[in-house]
Amino acid sequence: MINSLFKKALNTIPRPLLIRLSYAVKPIIAVALKGDRYTDPIDGKSFRRFLSYGYGKTRPNVLGPSTLSLERHRLLWLYLVRETDFFSAQAKMLHFAPEQAFYKRFREMHNLDYTTTDLNSPLADVKADICALPFKDDEYDIIFCNHVLEHIPDDDTAMSELYRVLKPGGKAILQIPQDLSRASTLEDDTITDREERARIFGQYDHVRVYGRDYFDKLRGVGFRVDEVDYTSRLAPAEIDRYRLAPGEILPVCHKD
């Protein structure tokens, strides 16, 4: 019952309103699913199962009940905790389309000078077009822009803007939905039907499916890119307990 209601909300309620509603209902869902089989590393809480999630093709047991995290959020969190000084080093950070799982936690971190940006999100400090950012050159030590570029028709310009506002020596994490079995990115702007776009691109408001060439596109605007397969460093039991997607690549980008 909880799964079916949540799936209906994801597909019918406008995203800004859904963000507000999800904050209200997630404590109820978390209590209902409390257990010890799976753990969300972001807040350390455990559950007998996670919620299903997805547009069209639903993935079972992937949405964390307490933080509303998905596989990509939990993977990034584990990487940040275990492999970086993100939680201690002083840094000026720009966060695009801030994820609910991270927003309050990052906002409360005293080591971050933290700014959020988006065109529509109610969580954005600065309403901005990613293709024409109102920020200075070389301004930010850290940029997170996750699951955004697949929505942007002119992603080359967006990538160039991300590179421009990142400081030399800075780091940008730019996750996207990616089909690693595909060598080249698929995009076709003649497909306008919502259901057809969802079938081909994975979601009605996506404009492409990135292939393995995504990393070279980032390199083409100047980034040095580390293709981090972090699940390969984890035990199978951890991958299962944290409900991660084996083989998902973290694009960790540097400006030298």
Protein backbone atom coordinates (compact mmCIF):
# COMPACT_ATOMS: atom_id res chain seq x y z
CA MET A 1 0.00 0.00 0.00
CA ILE A 2 2.80 2.45 0.96
CA ASN A 3 4.71 1.58 -2.22
CA SER A 4 1.72 2.07 -4.53
CA LEU A 5 0.75 5.43 -3.01
CA PHE A 6 4.34 6.71 -3.15
CA LYS A 7 4.75 5.63 -6.78
CA LYS A 8 1.52 7.43 -7.74
CA ALA A 9 2.74 10.61 -6.04
CA LEU A 10 6.09 10.48 -7.85
CA ASN A 11 4.37 10.36 -11.22
CA THR A 12 1.54 12.85 -10.70
CA ILE A 13 2.56 15.55 -8.20
CA PRO A 14 4.72 18.49 -9.38
CA ARG A 15 8.27 18.12 -8.07
CA PRO A 16 8.40 21.30 -5.87
CA LEU A 17 5.19 20.23 -4.11
CA LEU A 18 6.42 16.65 -3.84
CA ILE A 19 9.54 17.86 -2.03
CA ARG A 20 7.42 19.61 0.59
CA LEU A 21 5.05 16.64 0.99
CA SER A 22 7.87 14.12 1.28
CA TYR A 23 9.35 15.95 4.28
CA ALA A 24 5.99 15.64 5.99
CA VAL A 25 5.31 11.95 5.32
CA LYS A 26 8.75 10.35 5.51
CA PRO A 27 8.75 9.98 9.35
CA ILE A 28 5.53 7.94 9.08
CA ILE A 29 6.95 5.73 6.33
CA ALA A 30 10.21 5.23 8.25
CA VAL A 31 8.38 3.97 11.33
CA ALA A 32 6.21 1.62 9.28
CA LEU A 33 9.23 -0.02 7.62
CA LYS A 34 11.59 -0.12 10.62
CA GLY A 35 13.75 -3.26 10.81
CA ASP A 36 17.35 -4.43 10.60
CA ARG A 37 17.83 -5.91 7.10
CA TYR A 38 18.92 -2.82 5.14
CA THR A 39 20.68 0.35 6.29
CA ASP A 40 20.79 3.87 4.93
CA PRO A 41 24.39 5.03 5.56
CA ILE A 42 23.35 8.68 5.38
CA ASP A 43 21.56 8.58 8.74
CA GLY A 44 22.47 5.05 9.93
CA LYS A 45 18.83 3.93 10.26
CA SER A 46 17.82 0.39 9.33
CA PHE A 47 14.66 -1.07 7.79
CA ARG A 48 13.11 -4.37 6.86
CA ARG A 49 12.90 -3.07 3.29
CA PHE A 50 13.20 0.10 1.26
CA LEU A 51 10.53 1.58 -1.03
CA SER A 52 10.20 1.04 -4.76
CA TYR A 53 11.06 3.89 -7.11
CA GLY A 54 11.11 4.66 -10.81
CA TYR A 55 9.33 6.21 -13.75
CA GLY A 56 7.85 3.50 -15.96
CA LYS A 57 10.22 0.67 -14.99
CA THR A 58 10.08 0.55 -11.20
CA ARG A 59 13.09 -0.59 -9.18
CA PRO A 60 12.07 -2.44 -6.00
CA ASN A 61 13.69 -1.89 -2.61
CA VAL A 62 15.81 1.17 -3.50
CA LEU A 63 14.31 4.32 -1.89
CA GLY A 64 15.49 4.91 1.68
CA PRO A 65 12.43 5.54 3.90
CA SER A 66 14.09 7.99 6.28
CA THR A 67 16.22 10.16 3.97
CA LEU A 68 14.51 9.42 0.63
CA SER A 69 17.93 8.48 -0.72
CA LEU A 70 18.45 6.37 -3.84
CA GLU A 71 21.36 4.14 -4.81
CA ARG A 72 23.35 7.06 -6.21
CA HIS A 73 22.96 9.15 -3.03
CA ARG A 74 24.13 6.34 -0.76
CA LEU A 75 27.07 5.53 -3.03
CA LEU A 76 28.19 9.16 -3.07
CA TRP A 77 27.81 9.44 0.71
CA LEU A 78 29.98 6.37 1.33
CA TYR A 79 32.62 7.70 -1.06
CA LEU A 80 32.66 11.11 0.61
CA VAL A 81 32.88 9.64 4.13
CA ARG A 82 35.51 7.03 3.40
CA GLU A 83 37.67 8.54 0.67
CA THR A 84 37.63 12.35 1.05
CA ASP A 85 37.99 15.20 3.55
CA PHE A 86 34.62 16.64 2.49
CA PHE A 87 33.25 16.67 6.04
CA SER A 88 36.22 18.47 7.59
CA ALA A 89 38.04 20.67 5.05
CA GLN A 90 37.01 24.30 4.66
CA ALA A 91 35.47 24.77 1.22
CA LYS A 92 33.17 26.98 -0.81
CA MET A 93 30.55 24.70 -2.34
CA LEU A 94 27.94 25.05 -5.10
CA HIS A 95 25.16 22.45 -5.12
CA PHE A 96 22.83 22.17 -8.12
CA ALA A 97 19.27 20.87 -7.64
CA PRO A 98 20.00 19.97 -3.99
CA GLU A 99 18.90 16.47 -3.09
CA GLN A 100 16.59 16.06 -0.12
CA ALA A 101 18.87 13.37 1.30
CA PHE A 102 21.76 15.84 1.54
CA TYR A 103 20.34 19.34 1.78
CA LYS A 104 19.89 19.82 5.55
CA ARG A 105 23.05 17.90 6.39
CA PHE A 106 25.22 19.99 4.07
CA ARG A 107 23.55 23.20 5.21
CA GLU A 108 24.51 22.45 8.82
CA MET A 109 28.18 21.66 8.06
CA HIS A 110 30.33 24.46 9.52
CA ASN A 111 33.25 23.74 7.19
CA LEU A 112 31.18 24.56 4.08
CA ASP A 113 30.34 27.95 2.62
CA TYR A 114 27.31 26.37 1.00
CA THR A 115 25.19 27.72 -1.89
CA THR A 116 22.37 25.89 -3.67
CA THR A 117 21.12 26.71 -7.15
CA ASP A 118 18.40 25.56 -9.53
CA LEU A 119 15.79 27.04 -11.84
CA ASN A 120 12.78 25.66 -10.00
CA SER A 121 13.69 23.96 -6.71
CA PRO A 122 12.28 25.57 -3.55
CA LEU A 123 15.58 24.62 -1.90
CA ALA A 124 17.64 26.86 -4.21
CA ASP A 125 19.40 29.93 -2.78
CA VAL A 126 20.03 31.24 -6.29
CA LYS A 127 17.61 30.68 -9.18
CA ALA A 128 19.88 30.27 -12.19
CA ASP A 129 20.21 28.74 -15.65
CA ILE A 130 23.07 26.22 -15.64
CA CYS A 131 23.99 27.40 -19.16
CA ALA A 132 24.45 31.03 -18.00
CA LEU A 133 25.55 30.98 -14.38
CA PRO A 134 25.66 34.26 -12.43
CA PHE A 135 28.88 33.30 -10.63
CA LYS A 136 32.47 34.47 -11.06
CA ASP A 137 35.19 32.47 -12.76
CA ASP A 138 37.10 30.12 -10.44
CA GLU A 139 34.71 30.71 -7.51
CA TYR A 140 33.95 27.28 -5.98
CA ASP A 141 36.15 24.60 -4.43
CA ILE A 142 33.43 21.93 -4.74
CA ILE A 143 30.53 21.51 -7.15
CA PHE A 144 27.85 18.84 -6.95
CA CYS A 145 25.63 18.62 -10.02
CA ASN A 146 24.00 15.22 -9.91
CA HIS A 147 21.28 13.95 -12.26
CA VAL A 148 20.89 17.37 -13.85
CA LEU A 149 22.75 17.31 -17.18
CA GLU A 150 20.43 14.69 -18.71
CA HIS A 151 17.68 17.35 -18.52
CA ILE A 152 19.70 20.06 -20.30
CA PRO A 153 19.44 20.32 -24.12
CA ASP A 154 22.76 22.20 -24.44
CA ASP A 155 24.83 20.08 -22.07
CA ASP A 156 28.13 21.16 -23.67
CA THR A 157 27.50 24.75 -22.58
CA ALA A 158 26.39 23.57 -19.13
CA MET A 159 29.59 21.54 -18.70
CA SER A 160 31.67 24.55 -19.80
CA GLU A 161 29.92 26.73 -17.22
CA LEU A 162 30.60 24.16 -14.48
CA TYR A 163 34.26 24.16 -15.47
CA ARG A 164 34.39 27.96 -15.54
CA VAL A 165 33.09 28.50 -11.99
CA LEU A 166 35.20 25.70 -10.43
CA LYS A 167 38.46 26.84 -8.84
CA PRO A 168 41.76 25.45 -10.12
CA GLY A 169 42.43 22.50 -7.83
CA GLY A 170 38.72 22.12 -7.21
CA LYS A 171 36.54 19.05 -7.52
CA ALA A 172 33.16 18.53 -9.20
CA ILE A 173 31.04 15.41 -8.87
CA LEU A 174 28.70 15.18 -11.85
CA GLN A 175 26.59 12.04 -11.63
CA ILE A 176 24.15 11.18 -14.43
CA PRO A 177 21.97 8.20 -15.37
CA GLN A 178 24.24 6.21 -17.66
CA ASP A 179 24.03 3.12 -19.84
CA LEU A 180 27.55 1.72 -19.69
CA SER A 181 26.70 -0.87 -22.35
CA ARG A 182 26.30 1.99 -24.83
CA ALA A 183 29.45 3.49 -26.36
CA SER A 184 27.77 6.69 -27.51
CA THR A 185 25.16 8.95 -25.96
CA LEU A 186 21.66 8.66 -27.44
CA GLU A 187 19.65 11.83 -28.02
CA ASP A 188 16.82 12.64 -30.42
CA ASP A 189 14.96 15.94 -30.03
CA THR A 190 12.26 14.83 -32.49
CA ILE A 191 10.82 12.57 -29.77
CA THR A 192 8.34 14.75 -27.92
CA ASP A 193 5.71 12.33 -26.61
CA ARG A 194 6.08 12.00 -22.84
CA GLU A 195 5.53 8.24 -22.74
CA GLU A 196 7.90 7.65 -25.62
CA ARG A 197 10.56 9.83 -23.98
CA ALA A 198 10.15 7.89 -20.74
CA ARG A 199 10.50 4.59 -22.61
CA ILE A 200 13.60 5.60 -24.55
CA PHE A 201 15.37 8.00 -22.17
CA GLY A 202 14.21 6.57 -18.84
CA GLN A 203 12.14 9.58 -17.78
CA TYR A 204 9.76 11.91 -19.62
CA ASP A 205 11.86 15.02 -18.93
CA HIS A 206 15.23 13.53 -19.92
CA VAL A 207 16.66 14.58 -23.28
CA ARG A 208 19.30 11.85 -23.65
CA VAL A 209 20.77 8.61 -22.37
CA TYR A 210 24.47 9.00 -21.71
CA GLY A 211 26.86 6.29 -22.83
CA ARG A 212 30.50 5.68 -22.00
CA ASP A 213 31.45 8.78 -24.01
CA TYR A 214 30.10 10.98 -21.19
CA PHE A 215 33.52 11.05 -19.53
CA ASP A 216 35.16 12.20 -22.77
CA LYS A 217 32.56 14.97 -23.13
CA LEU A 218 33.64 16.22 -19.71
CA ARG A 219 37.29 15.99 -20.68
CA GLY A 220 36.48 17.95 -23.82
CA VAL A 221 35.64 21.08 -21.80
CA GLY A 222 38.83 20.79 -19.72
CA PHE A 223 38.08 18.52 -16.78
CA ARG A 224 40.42 15.78 -15.66
CA VAL A 225 38.03 12.93 -14.91
CA ASP A 226 38.44 10.01 -12.52
CA GLU A 227 35.94 7.25 -13.36
CA VAL A 228 35.47 5.88 -9.85
CA ASP A 229 33.86 2.43 -9.68
CA TYR A 230 33.41 2.60 -5.93
CA THR A 231 31.22 -0.48 -5.56
CA SER A 232 34.18 -2.56 -6.77
CA ARG A 233 35.92 -1.63 -3.50
CA LEU A 234 33.01 -2.83 -1.34
CA ALA A 235 32.08 -6.30 -0.15
CA PRO A 236 28.95 -7.86 -1.72
CA ALA A 237 27.29 -7.82 1.72
CA GLU A 238 27.78 -4.04 1.94
CA ILE A 239 26.41 -3.48 -1.55
CA ASP A 240 23.29 -5.41 -0.59
CA ARG A 241 22.85 -3.89 2.87
CA TYR A 242 23.17 -0.33 1.58
CA ARG A 243 21.11 -1.12 -1.55
CA LEU A 244 23.70 0.12 -4.05
CA ALA A 245 23.84 -0.38 -7.82
CA PRO A 246 26.90 -2.53 -8.60
CA GLY A 247 29.13 -0.98 -11.22
CA GLU A 248 27.73 2.55 -11.01
CA ILE A 249 30.51 5.03 -11.86
CA LEU A 250 31.14 8.23 -9.92
CA PRO A 251 32.48 10.92 -12.29
CA VAL A 252 34.92 12.81 -10.06
CA CYS A 253 36.13 15.82 -12.06
CA HIS A 254 39.12 18.05 -11.37
CA LYS A 255 40.25 21.44 -12.68
CA ASP A 256 44.03 21.43 -12.86
